[in-house]
Every structure is written in structure tokens, then in C-alpha cells.
Protein backbone atom coordinates (compact mmCIF):
# COMPACT_ATOMS: atom_id res chain seq x y z
CA MET A 1 11.30 -20.28 23.66
CA ALA A 2 11.34 -21.79 19.97
CA ALA A 3 8.03 -21.99 18.01
CA ASP A 4 5.99 -25.08 18.20
CA HIS A 5 5.66 -26.31 14.26
CA THR A 6 3.92 -29.51 15.27
CA GLU A 7 0.43 -28.30 15.24
CA VAL A 8 -0.32 -26.01 12.11
CA PRO A 9 -3.38 -23.70 12.81
CA ALA A 10 -6.48 -24.50 10.52
CA TRP A 11 -6.04 -21.00 8.91
CA ALA A 12 -2.63 -21.75 7.80
CA ARG A 13 -2.92 -25.21 6.38
CA PHE A 14 -3.54 -24.02 2.84
CA PHE A 15 0.28 -22.44 2.98
CA THR A 16 2.60 -25.23 1.76
CA ASP A 17 6.22 -25.75 1.27
CA THR A 18 5.55 -25.14 -2.20
CA ASP A 19 4.01 -21.81 -1.53
CA LEU A 20 6.94 -20.83 0.36
CA SER A 21 9.23 -21.65 -2.42
CA ALA A 22 7.45 -19.58 -4.68
CA VAL A 23 6.81 -16.70 -2.37
CA VAL A 24 10.58 -16.72 -1.49
CA GLY A 25 11.25 -16.92 -5.59
CA ALA A 26 9.01 -13.98 -6.15
CA VAL A 27 10.95 -11.92 -3.62
CA HIS A 28 13.94 -12.79 -5.30
CA THR A 29 12.64 -12.00 -8.63
CA ASP A 30 11.72 -8.49 -7.45
CA LEU A 31 15.18 -8.18 -5.97
CA ALA A 32 16.70 -9.31 -9.30
CA LEU A 33 14.66 -6.90 -11.04
CA THR A 34 15.27 -3.90 -8.69
CA VAL A 35 18.59 -4.52 -6.92
CA HIS A 36 20.98 -6.99 -8.72
CA PRO A 37 20.60 -9.72 -10.93
CA ARG A 38 22.55 -11.93 -8.73
CA HIS A 39 19.24 -12.64 -6.92
CA THR A 40 18.37 -14.94 -10.12
CA ARG A 41 20.45 -17.59 -8.55
CA THR A 42 18.20 -17.92 -5.50
CA ALA A 43 14.92 -17.45 -7.40
CA ILE A 44 15.59 -19.85 -10.13
CA PRO A 45 15.89 -23.15 -8.11
CA LEU A 46 12.84 -21.92 -5.86
CA LEU A 47 10.60 -21.17 -8.71
CA ALA A 48 11.40 -24.23 -10.74
CA GLU A 49 10.63 -26.26 -7.53
CA ALA A 50 7.37 -24.45 -7.09
CA VAL A 51 6.41 -25.18 -10.76
CA ASP A 52 7.07 -28.82 -10.34
CA ASP A 53 5.55 -29.37 -6.96
CA TYR A 54 2.18 -27.39 -7.67
CA GLY A 55 -0.62 -29.82 -8.14
CA ASP A 56 -3.43 -29.47 -10.99
CA ASP A 57 -5.60 -27.63 -8.17
CA MET A 58 -3.02 -24.81 -8.44
CA THR A 59 -2.62 -23.72 -12.06
CA ARG A 60 -2.78 -20.07 -11.78
CA SER A 61 0.09 -20.34 -8.84
CA ARG A 62 1.86 -22.29 -11.46
CA ALA A 63 1.56 -19.98 -14.11
CA PHE A 64 2.72 -17.03 -11.70
CA SER A 65 5.66 -19.08 -10.98
CA LEU A 66 6.43 -19.93 -14.64
CA ILE A 67 6.09 -16.03 -15.54
CA ARG A 68 8.73 -15.23 -12.64
CA LEU A 69 10.96 -18.23 -13.75
CA SER A 70 11.05 -17.23 -17.23
CA ILE A 71 11.93 -13.42 -16.20
CA ASN A 72 14.60 -14.91 -14.11
CA HIS A 73 16.41 -16.94 -16.75
CA LEU A 74 16.07 -13.96 -19.07
CA LEU A 75 17.76 -11.63 -16.65
CA ASP A 76 20.52 -14.33 -16.13
CA GLY A 77 21.34 -14.37 -19.67
CA ASP A 78 19.74 -17.69 -20.61
CA ALA A 79 17.55 -16.67 -23.51
CA ASP A 80 17.00 -20.32 -24.47
CA ARG A 81 15.60 -21.50 -21.42
CA GLY A 82 13.84 -17.98 -20.71
CA VAL A 83 11.92 -18.07 -24.13
CA ALA A 84 10.88 -21.68 -23.61
CA VAL A 85 9.79 -21.13 -20.11
CA GLY A 86 7.96 -17.86 -21.28
CA PHE A 87 5.72 -19.79 -23.92
CA ARG A 88 5.05 -22.37 -20.98
CA ALA A 89 4.06 -19.30 -18.91
CA LEU A 90 1.73 -17.91 -21.73
CA GLU A 91 0.20 -21.25 -22.01
CA ALA A 92 -0.41 -21.63 -18.36
CA ALA A 93 -1.87 -18.25 -18.08
CA GLU A 94 -4.15 -18.47 -20.91
CA PRO A 95 -7.32 -19.37 -19.07
CA PHE A 96 -6.85 -16.49 -16.85
CA THR A 97 -7.84 -13.08 -17.48
CA SER A 98 -7.40 -11.21 -13.87
CA ALA A 99 -5.73 -8.27 -13.59
CA ARG A 100 -2.90 -10.10 -11.40
CA VAL A 101 -1.96 -12.63 -14.20
CA ARG A 102 -1.79 -9.56 -16.78
CA ASP A 103 0.15 -7.49 -14.45
CA ARG A 104 2.35 -10.51 -13.80
CA ILE A 105 2.89 -11.31 -17.87
CA ARG A 106 3.54 -7.49 -18.66
CA PRO A 107 7.44 -7.68 -17.85
CA LEU A 108 7.77 -10.61 -20.45
CA GLY A 109 6.84 -7.86 -22.92
CA LYS A 110 9.02 -5.19 -21.80
CA ARG A 111 12.02 -7.02 -22.36
CA PRO A 112 12.80 -7.58 -26.23
CA GLN A 113 16.31 -6.13 -26.47
CA GLN A 114 17.52 -8.76 -23.98
CA TYR A 115 16.54 -11.45 -26.31
CA GLN A 116 15.73 -9.48 -29.56
CA SER A 117 18.19 -11.83 -31.72
CA HIS A 118 16.80 -15.12 -30.17
CA VAL A 119 14.46 -16.75 -32.79
CA GLY A 120 11.78 -17.49 -30.18
CA GLY A 121 12.08 -14.13 -28.57
CA HIS A 122 10.50 -12.51 -31.79
CA GLU A 123 7.64 -14.63 -30.91
CA LEU A 124 7.49 -14.46 -27.19
CA PHE A 125 7.39 -10.70 -27.05
CA PRO A 126 4.46 -10.18 -29.35
CA ARG A 127 2.55 -13.16 -27.72
CA ALA A 128 3.19 -11.70 -24.16
CA CYS A 129 2.12 -8.04 -25.34
CA GLN A 130 -1.24 -9.80 -27.09
CA HIS A 131 -2.07 -12.07 -23.93
CA THR A 132 -1.76 -8.49 -21.72
CA ILE A 133 -3.90 -6.88 -24.30
CA ALA A 134 -6.78 -9.52 -24.83
CA ALA A 135 -6.67 -9.67 -20.81
CA THR A 136 -7.20 -6.08 -20.21
CA PRO A 137 -10.73 -4.81 -20.03
CA THR A 138 -11.84 -1.44 -21.75
CA ARG A 139 -11.79 1.55 -19.46
CA SER A 140 -15.47 1.80 -19.57
CA SER A 141 -15.85 -1.81 -18.30
CA SER A 142 -13.07 -1.26 -15.84
CA LYS A 143 -13.26 0.29 -12.28
CA GLN A 144 -9.67 0.35 -11.77
CA PRO A 145 -7.56 3.38 -12.92
CA SER A 146 -5.25 0.99 -15.10
CA LEU A 147 -4.05 0.88 -18.75
CA ASP A 148 -6.72 0.07 -21.10
CA ARG A 149 -6.81 -1.91 -24.12
CA HIS A 150 -6.19 0.92 -26.52
CA HIS A 151 -3.24 2.44 -24.69
CA LEU A 152 -1.69 -1.42 -24.27
CA GLU A 153 -2.20 -1.62 -28.18
CA LEU A 154 -0.27 1.36 -28.88
CA VAL A 155 2.57 0.39 -26.68
CA CYS A 156 2.55 -3.04 -28.09
CA GLU A 157 2.05 -2.71 -31.73
CA PRO A 158 5.04 -0.37 -32.39
CA VAL A 159 7.46 -2.49 -30.72
CA GLY A 160 6.44 -5.77 -32.06
CA ARG A 161 6.41 -4.02 -35.81
CA VAL A 162 10.08 -2.97 -35.10
CA MET A 163 11.03 -6.38 -34.02
CA ALA A 164 9.43 -7.99 -37.09
CA GLU A 165 11.24 -5.38 -39.29
CA GLY A 166 14.61 -6.15 -37.99
CA GLU A 167 14.42 -9.94 -38.93
């Protein structure tokens, strides 16, 4: 017997086709990062669709999708598009300081070798790192056992300095 999709229960009405595209794109992003970069071919169009379709009431979801879209373009070897989308992602994520946003941005700061020779990449990495630092509470105010601001500054500063010296 086939499922009846004509009536959506009230508890599930919030989950739209746009959300489904974003979730499947997120899964393929994780697969591209951990299994094989070929998964970017599935993730990119799904995430681009989600970014385009999210309304103004879904700015955090759009920011998440932009972050993942940037990562996928970088993994796919398209530094121009990856860096451009990365800047859009940072701009979209700016109003948010939650741990989830910070954790999603962190991989943008961990990929400097992939776009080190790209002009915009020199700026994207430190900005992603800076956003991660700014959104990270000090350990005394955080109840979670995550990296504190001091440790992130130690990680971000030397890499940013090395990239600047390589110019």
C-alpha cells in the first residue's frame, strides 16, 4: 500500500521541499567531505536551489546552505565560485552567533591550501576564522566543552599570518 501524501500532518507542515533540498544537499556535502568529492555534483544543485528558494524568514537556513554550497564548490575545484559563495555565506551568517553557525563556518577556515593562490581566498580564510572566533564564547561563559576563543585565536592567527607572508 502506497503512502498517502495528500494530507500533510500539522507537525510536518513546516518542512518544505526547500528544506528537503537543503537536507539532502547537506548529506551529500558530508559524503563529499568524508567519502568522495564526486558527491559535490549532487550537493551543489540542491543547495543552490535551497539558497534561491528560502524566504526572508529563513535567513539562518539560507546561511547554512550557503556555507555548504561554498564548501562544495571548493571541493569541486571551482575556487572562484567557492570563494564568492563563501563571502555570501559569511555575510548571511553575520547576525548569528550560535554554536551551530560557528561550527558550520569552521570548515571554510580549514581549507586554505585549496584556494591559497586565489586572491579572494586570502581574505576568505581569515574572515571565516574571525567569524568563528567572534561567535565563540569564552570558556567561563560557555557550558559546553567546546574550543574557547583563546584556542581558536591560536589556531587562526598563525595560518592567517603564513598566508599573508606568502603574498
